[in-house]
């Protein structure tokens, strides 16, 4: 049986330099890591942790200076959080996140799950 290592929501905002020193991770990388953590939590049916990870990712994404990257990541995080809400039968929050994602990036509509 393949075991899945579940990420912790608390992560270090720093990474090791090649010389062993710490340097801050970029906001983009922090957001991407949180989105990946959310996917793992969602897959393992830890829905509250998935929502928390996606919400933290969205907070990081808002501060990104590159608008194109910010829009793409934000739309994706909103769609993923929408899918978690849908699985929890919280249709209002699912629809709200899906609408936000489509307003940010209309091409993200293809990722919305409606069943």
N, C-alpha and C. Protein backbone atom coordinates (compact mmCIF):
# COMPACT_ATOMS: atom_id res chain seq x y z
N UNK A 1 0.85 -1.18 0.00
CA UNK A 1 0.00 0.00 0.00
C UNK A 1 0.89 1.23 0.00
N UNK A 2 0.59 2.13 -0.87
CA UNK A 2 1.35 3.38 -0.99
C UNK A 2 0.90 4.34 0.09
N UNK A 3 1.83 4.84 0.88
CA UNK A 3 1.46 5.79 1.92
C UNK A 3 1.71 7.20 1.43
N UNK A 4 0.83 8.09 1.80
CA UNK A 4 0.93 9.48 1.41
C UNK A 4 1.37 10.28 2.62
N UNK A 5 2.43 11.04 2.44
CA UNK A 5 2.90 11.89 3.53
C UNK A 5 2.08 13.16 3.51
N UNK A 6 1.35 13.40 4.57
CA UNK A 6 0.49 14.59 4.63
C UNK A 6 1.32 15.79 5.06
N UNK A 7 1.19 16.88 4.33
CA UNK A 7 1.95 18.06 4.70
C UNK A 7 1.35 18.74 5.92
N UNK A 8 2.18 19.47 6.58
CA UNK A 8 1.73 20.28 7.70
C UNK A 8 1.38 21.65 7.17
N UNK A 9 0.34 22.26 7.71
CA UNK A 9 0.00 23.61 7.28
C UNK A 9 1.05 24.60 7.73
N UNK A 10 1.72 24.29 8.81
CA UNK A 10 2.78 25.21 9.23
C UNK A 10 4.03 24.86 8.45
N UNK A 11 4.49 25.80 7.69
CA UNK A 11 5.68 25.57 6.90
C UNK A 11 6.64 26.72 7.14
N UNK A 12 7.87 26.45 6.90
CA UNK A 12 8.88 27.48 7.09
C UNK A 12 8.90 28.38 5.86
N UNK A 13 8.79 29.69 6.06
CA UNK A 13 8.85 30.58 4.92
C UNK A 13 10.28 30.80 4.44
N UNK A 14 11.17 29.92 4.85
CA UNK A 14 12.56 30.03 4.44
C UNK A 14 13.01 28.72 3.82
N UNK A 15 14.03 28.79 3.03
CA UNK A 15 14.61 27.61 2.42
C UNK A 15 16.13 27.70 2.58
N UNK A 16 16.81 26.61 2.41
CA UNK A 16 18.26 26.59 2.59
C UNK A 16 18.96 27.08 1.32
N UNK A 17 19.95 27.94 1.50
CA UNK A 17 20.82 28.33 0.41
C UNK A 17 21.82 27.22 0.16
N UNK A 18 22.52 27.30 -0.95
CA UNK A 18 23.53 26.28 -1.25
C UNK A 18 24.64 26.28 -0.20
N UNK A 19 24.86 27.42 0.46
CA UNK A 19 25.88 27.48 1.50
C UNK A 19 25.35 27.11 2.88
N UNK A 20 24.09 26.67 2.96
CA UNK A 20 23.52 26.22 4.22
C UNK A 20 22.76 27.30 4.96
N UNK A 21 22.83 28.55 4.50
CA UNK A 21 22.10 29.64 5.14
C UNK A 21 20.64 29.65 4.73
N UNK A 22 19.84 30.36 5.47
CA UNK A 22 18.41 30.47 5.15
C UNK A 22 18.16 31.71 4.31
N UNK A 23 17.24 31.62 3.39
CA UNK A 23 16.77 32.77 2.64
C UNK A 23 15.25 32.65 2.54
N UNK A 24 14.55 33.75 2.52
CA UNK A 24 13.10 33.67 2.44
C UNK A 24 12.64 33.07 1.12
N UNK A 25 11.61 32.23 1.18
CA UNK A 25 10.98 31.73 -0.04
C UNK A 25 10.17 32.87 -0.64
N UNK A 26 10.05 32.86 -1.94
CA UNK A 26 9.24 33.88 -2.58
C UNK A 26 7.76 33.66 -2.24
N UNK A 27 6.99 34.73 -2.30
CA UNK A 27 5.55 34.60 -2.05
C UNK A 27 4.93 33.63 -3.05
N UNK A 28 5.40 33.70 -4.28
CA UNK A 28 4.87 32.79 -5.31
C UNK A 28 5.11 31.34 -4.91
N UNK A 29 6.33 31.02 -4.46
CA UNK A 29 6.65 29.66 -4.08
C UNK A 29 5.86 29.23 -2.84
N UNK A 30 5.68 30.14 -1.89
CA UNK A 30 4.88 29.83 -0.71
C UNK A 30 3.45 29.51 -1.12
N UNK A 31 2.89 30.31 -2.04
CA UNK A 31 1.51 30.08 -2.50
C UNK A 31 1.40 28.74 -3.23
N UNK A 32 2.37 28.45 -4.08
CA UNK A 32 2.35 27.18 -4.81
C UNK A 32 2.43 26.01 -3.84
N UNK A 33 3.29 26.12 -2.83
CA UNK A 33 3.40 25.05 -1.82
C UNK A 33 2.08 24.86 -1.08
N UNK A 34 1.42 25.96 -0.73
CA UNK A 34 0.14 25.85 -0.04
C UNK A 34 -0.92 25.22 -0.93
N UNK A 35 -0.92 25.55 -2.21
CA UNK A 35 -1.87 24.92 -3.14
C UNK A 35 -1.61 23.42 -3.21
N UNK A 36 -0.35 23.04 -3.30
CA UNK A 36 -0.01 21.62 -3.34
C UNK A 36 -0.44 20.91 -2.05
N UNK A 37 -0.21 21.57 -0.90
CA UNK A 37 -0.66 21.00 0.37
C UNK A 37 -2.18 20.83 0.37
N UNK A 38 -2.88 21.83 -0.14
CA UNK A 38 -4.34 21.74 -0.22
C UNK A 38 -4.80 20.56 -1.04
N UNK A 39 -4.11 20.30 -2.14
CA UNK A 39 -4.46 19.14 -2.98
C UNK A 39 -4.27 17.83 -2.23
N UNK A 40 -3.19 17.74 -1.46
CA UNK A 40 -2.94 16.52 -0.68
C UNK A 40 -4.03 16.35 0.39
N UNK A 41 -4.35 17.44 1.08
CA UNK A 41 -5.40 17.36 2.10
C UNK A 41 -6.74 17.00 1.47
N UNK A 42 -7.05 17.58 0.32
CA UNK A 42 -8.31 17.30 -0.36
C UNK A 42 -8.38 15.82 -0.74
N UNK A 43 -7.30 15.32 -1.30
CA UNK A 43 -7.26 13.93 -1.72
C UNK A 43 -7.44 12.98 -0.54
N UNK A 44 -6.91 13.37 0.62
CA UNK A 44 -7.02 12.52 1.81
C UNK A 44 -8.29 12.83 2.62
N UNK A 45 -9.18 13.63 2.03
CA UNK A 45 -10.49 13.97 2.62
C UNK A 45 -10.39 14.79 3.90
N UNK A 46 -9.29 15.52 4.06
CA UNK A 46 -9.15 16.44 5.19
C UNK A 46 -9.58 17.82 4.68
N UNK A 47 -10.89 17.98 4.53
CA UNK A 47 -11.44 19.13 3.84
C UNK A 47 -11.16 20.46 4.55
N UNK A 48 -11.26 20.49 5.87
CA UNK A 48 -11.01 21.75 6.57
C UNK A 48 -9.57 22.21 6.38
N UNK A 49 -8.64 21.28 6.41
CA UNK A 49 -7.23 21.63 6.20
C UNK A 49 -7.00 22.07 4.75
N UNK A 50 -7.70 21.44 3.81
CA UNK A 50 -7.58 21.84 2.41
C UNK A 50 -8.07 23.27 2.22
N UNK A 51 -9.22 23.58 2.81
CA UNK A 51 -9.77 24.94 2.70
C UNK A 51 -8.81 25.94 3.32
N UNK A 52 -8.25 25.59 4.47
CA UNK A 52 -7.30 26.49 5.13
C UNK A 52 -6.06 26.72 4.27
N UNK A 53 -5.54 25.66 3.66
CA UNK A 53 -4.36 25.79 2.80
C UNK A 53 -4.67 26.67 1.59
N UNK A 54 -5.80 26.44 0.94
CA UNK A 54 -6.16 27.25 -0.23
C UNK A 54 -6.39 28.71 0.18
N UNK A 55 -7.00 28.92 1.32
CA UNK A 55 -7.25 30.29 1.79
C UNK A 55 -5.94 31.02 2.07
N UNK A 56 -4.99 30.33 2.70
CA UNK A 56 -3.68 30.93 2.95
C UNK A 56 -2.97 31.24 1.64
N UNK A 57 -3.11 30.34 0.67
CA UNK A 57 -2.49 30.56 -0.64
C UNK A 57 -3.07 31.81 -1.29
N UNK A 58 -4.37 31.98 -1.21
CA UNK A 58 -5.02 33.15 -1.80
C UNK A 58 -4.50 34.42 -1.15
N UNK A 59 -4.32 34.41 0.17
CA UNK A 59 -3.77 35.58 0.87
C UNK A 59 -2.37 35.92 0.37
N UNK A 60 -1.54 34.90 0.13
CA UNK A 60 -0.19 35.14 -0.37
C UNK A 60 -0.23 35.67 -1.80
N UNK A 61 -1.12 35.13 -2.60
CA UNK A 61 -1.21 35.48 -4.02
C UNK A 61 -1.59 36.95 -4.20
N UNK A 62 -2.43 37.46 -3.34
CA UNK A 62 -2.87 38.86 -3.44
C UNK A 62 -1.68 39.82 -3.42
N UNK A 63 -0.62 39.44 -2.72
CA UNK A 63 0.55 40.31 -2.57
C UNK A 63 1.56 40.17 -3.71
N UNK A 64 1.32 39.27 -4.66
CA UNK A 64 2.29 39.08 -5.75
C UNK A 64 2.30 40.29 -6.68
N UNK A 65 3.48 40.73 -7.10
CA UNK A 65 3.57 41.90 -7.96
C UNK A 65 3.20 41.62 -9.42
N UNK A 66 3.45 40.41 -9.92
CA UNK A 66 3.17 40.08 -11.31
C UNK A 66 1.69 39.73 -11.47
N UNK A 67 0.95 40.60 -12.13
CA UNK A 67 -0.51 40.45 -12.24
C UNK A 67 -0.92 39.17 -12.97
N UNK A 68 -0.20 38.79 -14.03
CA UNK A 68 -0.55 37.59 -14.78
C UNK A 68 -0.42 36.34 -13.92
N UNK A 69 0.71 36.23 -13.23
CA UNK A 69 0.92 35.07 -12.35
C UNK A 69 -0.08 35.09 -11.21
N UNK A 70 -0.31 36.28 -10.65
CA UNK A 70 -1.26 36.42 -9.56
C UNK A 70 -2.65 35.97 -9.98
N UNK A 71 -3.10 36.41 -11.15
CA UNK A 71 -4.44 36.04 -11.64
C UNK A 71 -4.54 34.54 -11.87
N UNK A 72 -3.53 33.96 -12.49
CA UNK A 72 -3.57 32.52 -12.78
C UNK A 72 -3.62 31.70 -11.51
N UNK A 73 -2.74 32.01 -10.56
CA UNK A 73 -2.71 31.26 -9.30
C UNK A 73 -3.97 31.49 -8.47
N UNK A 74 -4.44 32.73 -8.44
CA UNK A 74 -5.63 33.05 -7.66
C UNK A 74 -6.86 32.31 -8.19
N UNK A 75 -7.02 32.33 -9.50
CA UNK A 75 -8.15 31.62 -10.10
C UNK A 75 -8.07 30.13 -9.78
N UNK A 76 -6.89 29.56 -9.90
CA UNK A 76 -6.72 28.13 -9.62
C UNK A 76 -7.03 27.80 -8.15
N UNK A 77 -6.53 28.61 -7.23
CA UNK A 77 -6.79 28.37 -5.81
C UNK A 77 -8.28 28.50 -5.49
N UNK A 78 -8.95 29.48 -6.09
CA UNK A 78 -10.39 29.63 -5.88
C UNK A 78 -11.17 28.44 -6.43
N UNK A 79 -10.78 27.95 -7.60
CA UNK A 79 -11.46 26.78 -8.18
C UNK A 79 -11.26 25.56 -7.28
N UNK A 80 -10.04 25.35 -6.83
CA UNK A 80 -9.78 24.19 -5.97
C UNK A 80 -10.55 24.28 -4.66
N UNK A 81 -10.59 25.47 -4.08
CA UNK A 81 -11.36 25.64 -2.84
C UNK A 81 -12.85 25.47 -3.12
N UNK A 82 -13.31 25.94 -4.27
CA UNK A 82 -14.71 25.75 -4.67
C UNK A 82 -15.06 24.26 -4.74
N UNK A 83 -14.14 23.48 -5.29
CA UNK A 83 -14.39 22.04 -5.39
C UNK A 83 -14.50 21.37 -4.02
N UNK A 84 -13.71 21.84 -3.07
CA UNK A 84 -13.80 21.30 -1.70
C UNK A 84 -15.15 21.68 -1.10
N UNK A 85 -15.54 22.94 -1.24
CA UNK A 85 -16.84 23.37 -0.72
C UNK A 85 -17.97 22.55 -1.35
N UNK A 86 -17.86 22.28 -2.65
CA UNK A 86 -18.90 21.50 -3.33
C UNK A 86 -18.99 20.10 -2.73
N UNK A 87 -17.84 19.49 -2.45
CA UNK A 87 -17.85 18.15 -1.86
C UNK A 87 -18.41 18.16 -0.44
N UNK A 88 -18.34 19.31 0.22
CA UNK A 88 -18.94 19.44 1.56
C UNK A 88 -20.41 19.84 1.47
N UNK A 89 -20.95 19.90 0.27
CA UNK A 89 -22.33 20.31 0.01
C UNK A 89 -22.62 21.73 0.44
N UNK A 90 -21.60 22.57 0.41
CA UNK A 90 -21.78 23.99 0.68
C UNK A 90 -21.83 24.71 -0.67
N UNK A 91 -22.97 24.59 -1.32
CA UNK A 91 -23.12 25.08 -2.69
C UNK A 91 -22.95 26.60 -2.80
N UNK A 92 -23.35 27.34 -1.77
CA UNK A 92 -23.24 28.81 -1.83
C UNK A 92 -21.78 29.24 -1.88
N UNK A 93 -20.96 28.69 -0.99
CA UNK A 93 -19.54 29.05 -0.99
C UNK A 93 -18.83 28.51 -2.24
N UNK A 94 -19.24 27.34 -2.69
CA UNK A 94 -18.65 26.78 -3.92
C UNK A 94 -18.95 27.68 -5.10
N UNK A 95 -20.19 28.13 -5.21
CA UNK A 95 -20.57 29.02 -6.31
C UNK A 95 -19.85 30.36 -6.21
N UNK A 96 -19.72 30.87 -5.00
CA UNK A 96 -19.03 32.15 -4.79
C UNK A 96 -17.58 32.07 -5.24
N UNK A 97 -16.86 31.02 -4.84
CA UNK A 97 -15.46 30.88 -5.25
C UNK A 97 -15.35 30.66 -6.76
N UNK A 98 -16.26 29.88 -7.32
CA UNK A 98 -16.23 29.65 -8.77
C UNK A 98 -16.45 30.96 -9.53
N UNK A 99 -17.36 31.77 -9.03
CA UNK A 99 -17.63 33.06 -9.68
C UNK A 99 -16.42 33.98 -9.61
N UNK A 100 -15.76 34.03 -8.44
CA UNK A 100 -14.56 34.84 -8.29
C UNK A 100 -13.49 34.37 -9.27
N UNK A 101 -13.30 33.06 -9.36
CA UNK A 101 -12.29 32.51 -10.27
C UNK A 101 -12.59 32.88 -11.72
N UNK A 102 -13.83 32.80 -12.11
CA UNK A 102 -14.20 33.13 -13.49
C UNK A 102 -14.07 34.63 -13.77
N UNK A 103 -14.30 35.45 -12.77
CA UNK A 103 -14.10 36.89 -12.94
C UNK A 103 -12.62 37.23 -13.09
N UNK A 104 -11.77 36.51 -12.37
CA UNK A 104 -10.33 36.72 -12.44
C UNK A 104 -9.78 36.20 -13.77
N UNK A 105 -10.18 34.99 -14.12
CA UNK A 105 -9.67 34.34 -15.33
C UNK A 105 -10.79 33.50 -15.94
N UNK A 106 -11.45 34.02 -16.98
CA UNK A 106 -12.58 33.32 -17.58
C UNK A 106 -12.24 31.91 -18.08
N UNK A 107 -10.99 31.65 -18.42
CA UNK A 107 -10.64 30.31 -18.89
C UNK A 107 -10.66 29.28 -17.77
N UNK A 108 -10.70 29.73 -16.52
CA UNK A 108 -10.72 28.79 -15.40
C UNK A 108 -12.05 28.06 -15.27
N UNK A 109 -13.06 28.51 -16.00
CA UNK A 109 -14.38 27.87 -15.91
C UNK A 109 -14.32 26.39 -16.28
N UNK A 110 -13.37 26.01 -17.08
CA UNK A 110 -13.28 24.60 -17.49
C UNK A 110 -12.93 23.67 -16.33
N UNK A 111 -12.44 24.22 -15.22
CA UNK A 111 -12.05 23.41 -14.06
C UNK A 111 -13.15 23.29 -13.01
N UNK A 112 -14.25 23.97 -13.22
CA UNK A 112 -15.33 23.94 -12.23
C UNK A 112 -16.06 22.61 -12.32
N UNK A 113 -16.25 21.98 -11.19
CA UNK A 113 -17.01 20.73 -11.11
C UNK A 113 -18.42 21.06 -10.69
N UNK A 114 -19.39 20.61 -11.48
CA UNK A 114 -20.78 20.94 -11.18
C UNK A 114 -21.60 19.72 -10.78
N UNK A 115 -21.02 18.59 -10.76
CA UNK A 115 -21.78 17.38 -10.40
C UNK A 115 -21.71 17.09 -8.94
